[in-house]
All heavy atoms as atom14 arrays in JSON, in Angstrom:
{
  "sequence": "IAGYAIGASQGYIYVRAEYPIAVERLRIAIGQAREYGLLGKNIFDTG",
  "atom14_mask": [
    [1, 1, 1, 1, 1, 1, 1, 1, 0, 0, 0, 0, 0, 0],
    [1, 1, 1, 1, 1, 0, 0, 0, 0, 0, 0, 0, 0, 0],
    [1, 1, 1, 1, 0, 0, 0, 0, 0, 0, 0, 0, 0, 0],
    [1, 1, 1, 1, 1, 1, 1, 1, 1, 1, 1, 1, 0, 0],
    [1, 1, 1, 1, 1, 0, 0, 0, 0, 0, 0, 0, 0, 0],
    [1, 1, 1, 1, 1, 1, 1, 1, 0, 0, 0, 0, 0, 0],
    [1, 1, 1, 1, 0, 0, 0, 0, 0, 0, 0, 0, 0, 0],
    [1, 1, 1, 1, 1, 0, 0, 0, 0, 0, 0, 0, 0, 0],
    [1, 1, 1, 1, 1, 1, 0, 0, 0, 0, 0, 0, 0, 0],
    [1, 1, 1, 1, 1, 1, 1, 1, 1, 0, 0, 0, 0, 0],
    [1, 1, 1, 1, 0, 0, 0, 0, 0, 0, 0, 0, 0, 0],
    [1, 1, 1, 1, 1, 1, 1, 1, 1, 1, 1, 1, 0, 0],
    [1, 1, 1, 1, 1, 1, 1, 1, 0, 0, 0, 0, 0, 0],
    [1, 1, 1, 1, 1, 1, 1, 1, 1, 1, 1, 1, 0, 0],
    [1, 1, 1, 1, 1, 1, 1, 0, 0, 0, 0, 0, 0, 0],
    [1, 1, 1, 1, 1, 1, 1, 1, 1, 1, 1, 0, 0, 0],
    [1, 1, 1, 1, 1, 0, 0, 0, 0, 0, 0, 0, 0, 0],
    [1, 1, 1, 1, 1, 1, 1, 1, 1, 0, 0, 0, 0, 0],
    [1, 1, 1, 1, 1, 1, 1, 1, 1, 1, 1, 1, 0, 0],
    [1, 1, 1, 1, 1, 1, 1, 0, 0, 0, 0, 0, 0, 0],
    [1, 1, 1, 1, 1, 1, 1, 1, 0, 0, 0, 0, 0, 0],
    [1, 1, 1, 1, 1, 0, 0, 0, 0, 0, 0, 0, 0, 0],
    [1, 1, 1, 1, 1, 1, 1, 0, 0, 0, 0, 0, 0, 0],
    [1, 1, 1, 1, 1, 1, 1, 1, 1, 0, 0, 0, 0, 0],
    [1, 1, 1, 1, 1, 1, 1, 1, 1, 1, 1, 0, 0, 0],
    [1, 1, 1, 1, 1, 1, 1, 1, 0, 0, 0, 0, 0, 0],
    [1, 1, 1, 1, 1, 1, 1, 1, 1, 1, 1, 0, 0, 0],
    [1, 1, 1, 1, 1, 1, 1, 1, 0, 0, 0, 0, 0, 0],
    [1, 1, 1, 1, 1, 0, 0, 0, 0, 0, 0, 0, 0, 0],
    [1, 1, 1, 1, 1, 1, 1, 1, 0, 0, 0, 0, 0, 0],
    [1, 1, 1, 1, 0, 0, 0, 0, 0, 0, 0, 0, 0, 0],
    [1, 1, 1, 1, 1, 1, 1, 1, 1, 0, 0, 0, 0, 0],
    [1, 1, 1, 1, 1, 0, 0, 0, 0, 0, 0, 0, 0, 0],
    [1, 1, 1, 1, 1, 1, 1, 1, 1, 1, 1, 0, 0, 0],
    [1, 1, 1, 1, 1, 1, 1, 1, 1, 0, 0, 0, 0, 0],
    [1, 1, 1, 1, 1, 1, 1, 1, 1, 1, 1, 1, 0, 0],
    [1, 1, 1, 1, 0, 0, 0, 0, 0, 0, 0, 0, 0, 0],
    [1, 1, 1, 1, 1, 1, 1, 1, 0, 0, 0, 0, 0, 0],
    [1, 1, 1, 1, 1, 1, 1, 1, 0, 0, 0, 0, 0, 0],
    [1, 1, 1, 1, 0, 0, 0, 0, 0, 0, 0, 0, 0, 0],
    [1, 1, 1, 1, 1, 1, 1, 1, 1, 0, 0, 0, 0, 0],
    [1, 1, 1, 1, 1, 1, 1, 1, 0, 0, 0, 0, 0, 0],
    [1, 1, 1, 1, 1, 1, 1, 1, 0, 0, 0, 0, 0, 0],
    [1, 1, 1, 1, 1, 1, 1, 1, 1, 1, 1, 0, 0, 0],
    [1, 1, 1, 1, 1, 1, 1, 1, 0, 0, 0, 0, 0, 0],
    [1, 1, 1, 1, 1, 1, 1, 0, 0, 0, 0, 0, 0, 0],
    [1, 1, 1, 1, 0, 0, 0, 0, 0, 0, 0, 0, 0, 0]
  ],
  "atom14_positions": [
    [[5.47, -14.12, -6.21], [5.65, -13.28, -7.41], [4.43, -13.39, -8.31], [3.92, -12.39, -8.83], [6.93, -13.69, -8.16], [8.17, -13.33, -7.33], [7.0, -13.02, -9.53], [9.47, -13.9, -7.88], [0.0, 0.0, 0.0], [0.0, 0.0, 0.0], [0.0, 0.0, 0.0], [0.0, 0.0, 0.0], [0.0, 0.0, 0.0], [0.0, 0.0, 0.0]],
    [[3.94, -14.62, -8.48], [2.74, -14.82, -9.31], [1.54, -14.11, -8.69], [0.72, -13.5, -9.4], [2.45, -16.31, -9.46], [0.0, 0.0, 0.0], [0.0, 0.0, 0.0], [0.0, 0.0, 0.0], [0.0, 0.0, 0.0], [0.0, 0.0, 0.0], [0.0, 0.0, 0.0], [0.0, 0.0, 0.0], [0.0, 0.0, 0.0], [0.0, 0.0, 0.0]],
    [[1.42, -14.18, -7.35], [0.32, -13.49, -6.67], [0.35, -12.0, -6.91], [-0.68, -11.36, -7.17], [0.0, 0.0, 0.0], [0.0, 0.0, 0.0], [0.0, 0.0, 0.0], [0.0, 0.0, 0.0], [0.0, 0.0, 0.0], [0.0, 0.0, 0.0], [0.0, 0.0, 0.0], [0.0, 0.0, 0.0], [0.0, 0.0, 0.0], [0.0, 0.0, 0.0]],
    [[1.55, -11.42, -6.83], [1.71, -9.98, -7.11], [1.34, -9.66, -8.55], [0.65, -8.67, -8.82], [3.16, -9.58, -6.83], [3.52, -8.18, -7.28], [2.98, -7.05, -6.65], [4.4, -7.97, -8.34], [3.32, -5.77, -7.05], [4.74, -6.69, -8.76], [4.2, -5.6, -8.11], [4.53, -4.32, -8.53], [0.0, 0.0, 0.0], [0.0, 0.0, 0.0]],
    [[1.76, -10.52, -9.48], [1.53, -10.26, -10.9], [0.06, -10.3, -11.28], [-0.41, -9.49, -12.09], [2.32, -11.27, -11.74], [0.0, 0.0, 0.0], [0.0, 0.0, 0.0], [0.0, 0.0, 0.0], [0.0, 0.0, 0.0], [0.0, 0.0, 0.0], [0.0, 0.0, 0.0], [0.0, 0.0, 0.0], [0.0, 0.0, 0.0], [0.0, 0.0, 0.0]],
    [[-0.69, -11.22, -10.69], [-2.1, -11.38, -11.12], [-3.08, -10.75, -10.15], [-4.29, -10.75, -10.41], [-2.46, -12.87, -11.3], [-2.46, -13.6, -9.94], [-1.51, -13.55, -12.29], [-3.16, -14.93, -9.96], [0.0, 0.0, 0.0], [0.0, 0.0, 0.0], [0.0, 0.0, 0.0], [0.0, 0.0, 0.0], [0.0, 0.0, 0.0], [0.0, 0.0, 0.0]],
    [[-2.6, -10.23, -9.02], [-3.5, -9.61, -8.05], [-4.18, -10.59, -7.13], [-5.35, -10.4, -6.77], [0.0, 0.0, 0.0], [0.0, 0.0, 0.0], [0.0, 0.0, 0.0], [0.0, 0.0, 0.0], [0.0, 0.0, 0.0], [0.0, 0.0, 0.0], [0.0, 0.0, 0.0], [0.0, 0.0, 0.0], [0.0, 0.0, 0.0], [0.0, 0.0, 0.0]],
    [[-3.45, -11.65, -6.72], [-4.0, -12.64, -5.79], [-3.38, -12.45, -4.41], [-2.24, -12.03, -4.28], [-3.72, -14.06, -6.29], [0.0, 0.0, 0.0], [0.0, 0.0, 0.0], [0.0, 0.0, 0.0], [0.0, 0.0, 0.0], [0.0, 0.0, 0.0], [0.0, 0.0, 0.0], [0.0, 0.0, 0.0], [0.0, 0.0, 0.0], [0.0, 0.0, 0.0]],
    [[-4.11, -12.8, -3.38], [-3.6, -12.69, -2.01], [-3.52, -14.04, -1.32], [-3.1, -14.12, -0.16], [-4.48, -11.75, -1.18], [-5.81, -12.25, -1.12], [0.0, 0.0, 0.0], [0.0, 0.0, 0.0], [0.0, 0.0, 0.0], [0.0, 0.0, 0.0], [0.0, 0.0, 0.0], [0.0, 0.0, 0.0], [0.0, 0.0, 0.0], [0.0, 0.0, 0.0]],
    [[-3.91, -15.11, -2.01], [-3.89, -16.44, -1.39], [-3.38, -17.48, -2.38], [-3.77, -17.49, -3.55], [-5.29, -16.84, -0.91], [-5.37, -18.2, -0.24], [-4.57, -18.28, 1.05], [-4.68, -17.41, 1.92], [-3.75, -19.31, 1.19], [0.0, 0.0, 0.0], [0.0, 0.0, 0.0], [0.0, 0.0, 0.0], [0.0, 0.0, 0.0], [0.0, 0.0, 0.0]],
    [[-2.51, -18.36, -1.9], [-2.01, -19.46, -2.71], [-2.19, -20.78, -1.99], [-2.29, -20.83, -0.75], [0.0, 0.0, 0.0], [0.0, 0.0, 0.0], [0.0, 0.0, 0.0], [0.0, 0.0, 0.0], [0.0, 0.0, 0.0], [0.0, 0.0, 0.0], [0.0, 0.0, 0.0], [0.0, 0.0, 0.0], [0.0, 0.0, 0.0], [0.0, 0.0, 0.0]],
    [[-2.21, -21.87, -2.76], [-2.31, -23.21, -2.2], [-1.31, -24.12, -2.9], [-1.11, -24.04, -4.12], [-3.72, -23.8, -2.4], [-4.79, -23.12, -1.57], [-5.5, -22.04, -2.09], [-5.08, -23.55, -0.28], [-6.48, -21.41, -1.34], [-6.06, -22.92, 0.48], [-6.75, -21.85, -0.06], [-7.72, -21.23, 0.69], [0.0, 0.0, 0.0], [0.0, 0.0, 0.0]],
    [[-0.66, -24.98, -2.12], [0.18, -26.04, -2.69], [-0.52, -27.36, -2.42], [-0.76, -27.73, -1.28], [1.59, -26.05, -2.06], [2.29, -24.72, -2.27], [2.42, -27.19, -2.66], [3.66, -24.63, -1.62], [0.0, 0.0, 0.0], [0.0, 0.0, 0.0], [0.0, 0.0, 0.0], [0.0, 0.0, 0.0], [0.0, 0.0, 0.0], [0.0, 0.0, 0.0]],
    [[-0.86, -28.06, -3.5], [-1.53, -29.35, -3.39], [-0.47, -30.42, -3.62], [0.01, -30.62, -4.73], [-2.65, -29.46, -4.43], [-3.53, -30.67, -4.28], [-4.65, -30.64, -3.45], [-3.26, -31.84, -4.99], [-5.48, -31.75, -3.32], [-4.08, -32.96, -4.87], [-5.19, -32.92, -4.03], [-6.01, -34.01, -3.91], [0.0, 0.0, 0.0], [0.0, 0.0, 0.0]],
    [[-0.08, -31.11, -2.54], [1.05, -32.03, -2.6], [0.61, -33.42, -2.16], [-0.28, -33.58, -1.33], [2.21, -31.52, -1.71], [1.78, -31.43, -0.25], [3.45, -32.38, -1.84], [0.0, 0.0, 0.0], [0.0, 0.0, 0.0], [0.0, 0.0, 0.0], [0.0, 0.0, 0.0], [0.0, 0.0, 0.0], [0.0, 0.0, 0.0], [0.0, 0.0, 0.0]],
    [[1.25, -34.41, -2.72], [0.94, -35.8, -2.37], [1.3, -36.09, -0.91], [2.4, -35.79, -0.46], [1.74, -36.76, -3.26], [1.4, -36.67, -4.71], [2.31, -37.57, -5.53], [2.19, -38.97, -5.15], [2.8, -39.97, -5.79], [3.6, -39.7, -6.81], [2.65, -41.21, -5.41], [0.0, 0.0, 0.0], [0.0, 0.0, 0.0], [0.0, 0.0, 0.0]],
    [[0.39, -36.72, -0.2], [0.67, -37.13, 1.18], [1.75, -38.2, 1.22], [2.38, -38.42, 2.25], [-0.6, -37.64, 1.85], [0.0, 0.0, 0.0], [0.0, 0.0, 0.0], [0.0, 0.0, 0.0], [0.0, 0.0, 0.0], [0.0, 0.0, 0.0], [0.0, 0.0, 0.0], [0.0, 0.0, 0.0], [0.0, 0.0, 0.0], [0.0, 0.0, 0.0]],
    [[2.01, -38.87, 0.08], [3.05, -39.9, 0.01], [4.46, -39.3, 0.0], [5.44, -40.03, -0.05], [2.89, -40.77, -1.24], [1.57, -41.51, -1.32], [0.52, -40.76, -2.15], [0.53, -39.51, -2.12], [-0.28, -41.42, -2.82], [0.0, 0.0, 0.0], [0.0, 0.0, 0.0], [0.0, 0.0, 0.0], [0.0, 0.0, 0.0], [0.0, 0.0, 0.0]],
    [[4.56, -37.97, 0.05], [5.85, -37.28, 0.08], [6.08, -36.67, 1.47], [6.06, -35.46, 1.64], [5.88, -36.16, -0.96], [6.03, -36.6, -2.39], [5.93, -35.67, -3.43], [6.28, -37.92, -2.73], [6.1, -36.05, -4.76], [6.43, -38.31, -4.04], [6.34, -37.37, -5.06], [6.5, -37.74, -6.36], [0.0, 0.0, 0.0], [0.0, 0.0, 0.0]],
    [[6.28, -37.49, 2.51], [6.33, -36.94, 3.87], [7.47, -35.96, 4.11], [7.29, -34.97, 4.83], [6.48, -38.19, 4.75], [7.03, -39.25, 3.84], [6.45, -38.96, 2.5], [0.0, 0.0, 0.0], [0.0, 0.0, 0.0], [0.0, 0.0, 0.0], [0.0, 0.0, 0.0], [0.0, 0.0, 0.0], [0.0, 0.0, 0.0], [0.0, 0.0, 0.0]],
    [[8.64, -36.2, 3.51], [9.76, -35.27, 3.72], [9.45, -33.93, 3.05], [9.69, -32.87, 3.63], [11.08, -35.86, 3.18], [11.44, -37.13, 3.96], [12.22, -34.84, 3.29], [12.66, -37.86, 3.42], [0.0, 0.0, 0.0], [0.0, 0.0, 0.0], [0.0, 0.0, 0.0], [0.0, 0.0, 0.0], [0.0, 0.0, 0.0], [0.0, 0.0, 0.0]],
    [[8.92, -33.98, 1.84], [8.56, -32.75, 1.13], [7.49, -31.97, 1.89], [7.56, -30.74, 2.01], [8.08, -33.07, -0.28], [0.0, 0.0, 0.0], [0.0, 0.0, 0.0], [0.0, 0.0, 0.0], [0.0, 0.0, 0.0], [0.0, 0.0, 0.0], [0.0, 0.0, 0.0], [0.0, 0.0, 0.0], [0.0, 0.0, 0.0], [0.0, 0.0, 0.0]],
    [[6.5, -32.68, 2.41], [5.42, -32.02, 3.16], [5.98, -31.34, 4.4], [5.65, -30.18, 4.7], [4.33, -33.06, 3.55], [3.35, -32.45, 4.54], [3.59, -33.54, 2.31], [0.0, 0.0, 0.0], [0.0, 0.0, 0.0], [0.0, 0.0, 0.0], [0.0, 0.0, 0.0], [0.0, 0.0, 0.0], [0.0, 0.0, 0.0], [0.0, 0.0, 0.0]],
    [[6.85, -32.05, 5.13], [7.42, -31.48, 6.35], [8.27, -30.25, 6.04], [8.2, -29.24, 6.75], [8.27, -32.54, 7.07], [8.93, -32.06, 8.34], [7.94, -31.61, 9.42], [6.75, -32.0, 9.34], [8.35, -30.86, 10.31], [0.0, 0.0, 0.0], [0.0, 0.0, 0.0], [0.0, 0.0, 0.0], [0.0, 0.0, 0.0], [0.0, 0.0, 0.0]],
    [[9.05, -30.32, 4.97], [9.9, -29.17, 4.63], [9.08, -27.98, 4.15], [9.43, -26.83, 4.41], [10.93, -29.59, 3.59], [11.98, -30.5, 4.19], [13.21, -30.65, 3.33], [14.27, -31.22, 4.14], [15.44, -31.59, 3.66], [15.71, -31.42, 2.37], [16.37, -32.1, 4.44], [0.0, 0.0, 0.0], [0.0, 0.0, 0.0], [0.0, 0.0, 0.0]],
    [[7.98, -28.24, 3.47], [7.09, -27.15, 3.08], [6.48, -26.49, 4.3], [6.38, -25.26, 4.37], [6.0, -27.68, 2.15], [6.37, -27.86, 0.68], [5.26, -28.59, -0.06], [6.65, -26.51, 0.02], [0.0, 0.0, 0.0], [0.0, 0.0, 0.0], [0.0, 0.0, 0.0], [0.0, 0.0, 0.0], [0.0, 0.0, 0.0], [0.0, 0.0, 0.0]],
    [[6.07, -27.3, 5.27], [5.49, -26.73, 6.49], [6.5, -25.85, 7.21], [6.18, -24.76, 7.68], [5.0, -27.86, 7.4], [3.69, -28.49, 6.92], [3.27, -29.63, 7.82], [1.91, -30.08, 7.45], [1.49, -31.33, 7.6], [2.3, -32.24, 8.12], [0.26, -31.67, 7.24], [0.0, 0.0, 0.0], [0.0, 0.0, 0.0], [0.0, 0.0, 0.0]],
    [[7.74, -26.34, 7.29], [8.79, -25.55, 7.94], [9.02, -24.26, 7.17], [9.11, -23.17, 7.75], [10.1, -26.36, 8.02], [9.94, -27.52, 9.02], [11.28, -25.48, 8.42], [11.09, -28.5, 9.01], [0.0, 0.0, 0.0], [0.0, 0.0, 0.0], [0.0, 0.0, 0.0], [0.0, 0.0, 0.0], [0.0, 0.0, 0.0], [0.0, 0.0, 0.0]],
    [[9.11, -24.36, 5.84], [9.4, -23.18, 5.01], [8.29, -22.14, 5.1], [8.56, -20.93, 5.21], [9.61, -23.61, 3.56], [0.0, 0.0, 0.0], [0.0, 0.0, 0.0], [0.0, 0.0, 0.0], [0.0, 0.0, 0.0], [0.0, 0.0, 0.0], [0.0, 0.0, 0.0], [0.0, 0.0, 0.0], [0.0, 0.0, 0.0], [0.0, 0.0, 0.0]],
    [[7.04, -22.57, 5.05], [5.92, -21.63, 5.15], [5.93, -20.94, 6.5], [5.72, -19.72, 6.6], [4.58, -22.37, 4.9], [4.48, -22.8, 3.43], [3.4, -21.48, 5.27], [3.3, -23.7, 3.13], [0.0, 0.0, 0.0], [0.0, 0.0, 0.0], [0.0, 0.0, 0.0], [0.0, 0.0, 0.0], [0.0, 0.0, 0.0], [0.0, 0.0, 0.0]],
    [[6.2, -21.7, 7.57], [6.27, -21.1, 8.89], [7.37, -20.07, 9.01], [7.19, -18.99, 9.59], [0.0, 0.0, 0.0], [0.0, 0.0, 0.0], [0.0, 0.0, 0.0], [0.0, 0.0, 0.0], [0.0, 0.0, 0.0], [0.0, 0.0, 0.0], [0.0, 0.0, 0.0], [0.0, 0.0, 0.0], [0.0, 0.0, 0.0], [0.0, 0.0, 0.0]],
    [[8.55, -20.39, 8.44], [9.67, -19.44, 8.47], [9.34, -18.18, 7.68], [9.63, -17.06, 8.12], [10.91, -20.11, 7.88], [11.5, -21.21, 8.74], [12.6, -21.97, 8.02], [12.66, -21.98, 6.79], [13.48, -22.6, 8.78], [0.0, 0.0, 0.0], [0.0, 0.0, 0.0], [0.0, 0.0, 0.0], [0.0, 0.0, 0.0], [0.0, 0.0, 0.0]],
    [[8.75, -18.35, 6.5], [8.44, -17.19, 5.65], [7.43, -16.28, 6.33], [7.52, -15.05, 6.24], [7.92, -17.66, 4.29], [0.0, 0.0, 0.0], [0.0, 0.0, 0.0], [0.0, 0.0, 0.0], [0.0, 0.0, 0.0], [0.0, 0.0, 0.0], [0.0, 0.0, 0.0], [0.0, 0.0, 0.0], [0.0, 0.0, 0.0], [0.0, 0.0, 0.0]],
    [[6.47, -16.88, 7.03], [5.5, -16.06, 7.77], [6.19, -15.32, 8.91], [5.93, -14.14, 9.14], [4.38, -16.94, 8.32], [3.39, -17.42, 7.25], [2.43, -18.44, 7.83], [1.45, -18.88, 6.84], [0.69, -19.96, 6.98], [0.81, -20.72, 8.06], [-0.18, -20.29, 6.04], [0.0, 0.0, 0.0], [0.0, 0.0, 0.0], [0.0, 0.0, 0.0]],
    [[7.08, -16.0, 9.61], [7.79, -15.39, 10.74], [8.64, -14.21, 10.28], [8.73, -13.19, 10.97], [8.67, -16.43, 11.42], [9.43, -15.91, 12.62], [10.35, -16.96, 13.23], [10.28, -18.13, 12.8], [11.15, -16.61, 14.12], [0.0, 0.0, 0.0], [0.0, 0.0, 0.0], [0.0, 0.0, 0.0], [0.0, 0.0, 0.0], [0.0, 0.0, 0.0]],
    [[9.25, -14.31, 9.11], [10.11, -13.25, 8.59], [9.33, -12.17, 7.86], [9.92, -11.19, 7.39], [11.14, -13.85, 7.63], [12.38, -14.43, 8.29], [12.28, -15.36, 9.32], [13.64, -14.05, 7.86], [13.4, -15.9, 9.9], [14.78, -14.6, 8.45], [14.66, -15.52, 9.47], [15.78, -16.06, 10.04], [0.0, 0.0, 0.0], [0.0, 0.0, 0.0]],
    [[8.02, -12.36, 7.72], [7.22, -11.37, 7.0], [7.3, -11.48, 5.5], [6.94, -10.54, 4.78], [0.0, 0.0, 0.0], [0.0, 0.0, 0.0], [0.0, 0.0, 0.0], [0.0, 0.0, 0.0], [0.0, 0.0, 0.0], [0.0, 0.0, 0.0], [0.0, 0.0, 0.0], [0.0, 0.0, 0.0], [0.0, 0.0, 0.0], [0.0, 0.0, 0.0]],
    [[7.75, -12.64, 5.01], [7.83, -12.87, 3.56], [6.56, -13.48, 3.01], [6.37, -13.56, 1.8], [9.03, -13.77, 3.24], [10.38, -13.16, 3.64], [11.48, -14.2, 3.61], [10.73, -11.99, 2.73], [0.0, 0.0, 0.0], [0.0, 0.0, 0.0], [0.0, 0.0, 0.0], [0.0, 0.0, 0.0], [0.0, 0.0, 0.0], [0.0, 0.0, 0.0]],
    [[5.7, -13.93, 3.9], [4.33, -14.31, 3.57], [3.43, -13.64, 4.6], [3.83, -13.42, 5.74], [4.14, -15.83, 3.63], [4.77, -16.68, 2.53], [4.51, -18.17, 2.82], [4.24, -16.32, 1.16], [0.0, 0.0, 0.0], [0.0, 0.0, 0.0], [0.0, 0.0, 0.0], [0.0, 0.0, 0.0], [0.0, 0.0, 0.0], [0.0, 0.0, 0.0]],
    [[2.23, -13.33, 4.18], [1.28, -12.7, 5.1], [0.91, -11.29, 4.67], [0.83, -10.99, 3.48], [0.0, 0.0, 0.0], [0.0, 0.0, 0.0], [0.0, 0.0, 0.0], [0.0, 0.0, 0.0], [0.0, 0.0, 0.0], [0.0, 0.0, 0.0], [0.0, 0.0, 0.0], [0.0, 0.0, 0.0], [0.0, 0.0, 0.0], [0.0, 0.0, 0.0]],
    [[0.73, -10.42, 5.64], [0.27, -9.05, 5.38], [1.45, -8.11, 5.13], [2.5, -8.22, 5.74], [-0.53, -8.53, 6.58], [-1.8, -9.33, 6.89], [-2.88, -9.11, 5.83], [-4.18, -9.79, 6.24], [-5.24, -9.62, 5.21], [0.0, 0.0, 0.0], [0.0, 0.0, 0.0], [0.0, 0.0, 0.0], [0.0, 0.0, 0.0], [0.0, 0.0, 0.0]],
    [[1.26, -7.2, 4.17], [2.16, -6.06, 3.97], [3.62, -6.49, 3.78], [4.53, -6.03, 4.47], [2.05, -5.09, 5.15], [2.64, -3.72, 4.84], [2.74, -3.32, 3.69], [3.05, -3.01, 5.88], [0.0, 0.0, 0.0], [0.0, 0.0, 0.0], [0.0, 0.0, 0.0], [0.0, 0.0, 0.0], [0.0, 0.0, 0.0], [0.0, 0.0, 0.0]],
    [[3.84, -7.37, 2.82], [5.18, -7.91, 2.57], [6.12, -6.8, 2.14], [5.8, -6.01, 1.25], [5.11, -9.02, 1.49], [4.27, -10.2, 2.01], [6.52, -9.5, 1.12], [3.97, -11.26, 0.98], [0.0, 0.0, 0.0], [0.0, 0.0, 0.0], [0.0, 0.0, 0.0], [0.0, 0.0, 0.0], [0.0, 0.0, 0.0], [0.0, 0.0, 0.0]],
    [[7.29, -6.71, 2.77], [8.3, -5.67, 2.49], [7.73, -4.25, 2.68], [8.2, -3.3, 2.03], [8.87, -5.8, 1.08], [9.74, -7.0, 0.86], [9.94, -7.51, -0.41], [10.38, -7.63, 1.91], [10.75, -8.61, -0.63], [11.19, -8.73, 1.72], [11.38, -9.24, 0.44], [0.0, 0.0, 0.0], [0.0, 0.0, 0.0], [0.0, 0.0, 0.0]],
    [[6.68, -4.12, 3.47], [6.03, -2.81, 3.69], [5.55, -2.18, 2.39], [5.56, -0.95, 2.23], [7.0, -1.84, 4.39], [7.28, -2.25, 5.83], [6.36, -2.81, 6.46], [8.41, -2.03, 6.29], [0.0, 0.0, 0.0], [0.0, 0.0, 0.0], [0.0, 0.0, 0.0], [0.0, 0.0, 0.0], [0.0, 0.0, 0.0], [0.0, 0.0, 0.0]],
    [[5.11, -3.02, 1.47], [4.64, -2.51, 0.17], [3.12, -2.49, 0.07], [2.57, -2.04, -0.94], [5.18, -3.39, -0.97], [4.7, -4.74, -0.8], [6.7, -3.39, -0.99], [0.0, 0.0, 0.0], [0.0, 0.0, 0.0], [0.0, 0.0, 0.0], [0.0, 0.0, 0.0], [0.0, 0.0, 0.0], [0.0, 0.0, 0.0], [0.0, 0.0, 0.0]],
    [[2.44, -3.01, 1.08], [0.99, -3.12, 0.99], [0.51, -4.38, 0.31], [-0.7, -4.61, 0.2], [0.0, 0.0, 0.0], [0.0, 0.0, 0.0], [0.0, 0.0, 0.0], [0.0, 0.0, 0.0], [0.0, 0.0, 0.0], [0.0, 0.0, 0.0], [0.0, 0.0, 0.0], [0.0, 0.0, 0.0], [0.0, 0.0, 0.0], [0.0, 0.0, 0.0]]
  ]
}
């Protein structure tokens, strides 16, 4: 949502390596979002 609002196409999450469960769940979530087309190119066919 923030990317859409400010005109950005790339985001980064900077997370502590001491949070292994959080890191793993973020990796899973990012992979799922890409697979569903919720991250990446042409989200919701809106360009």
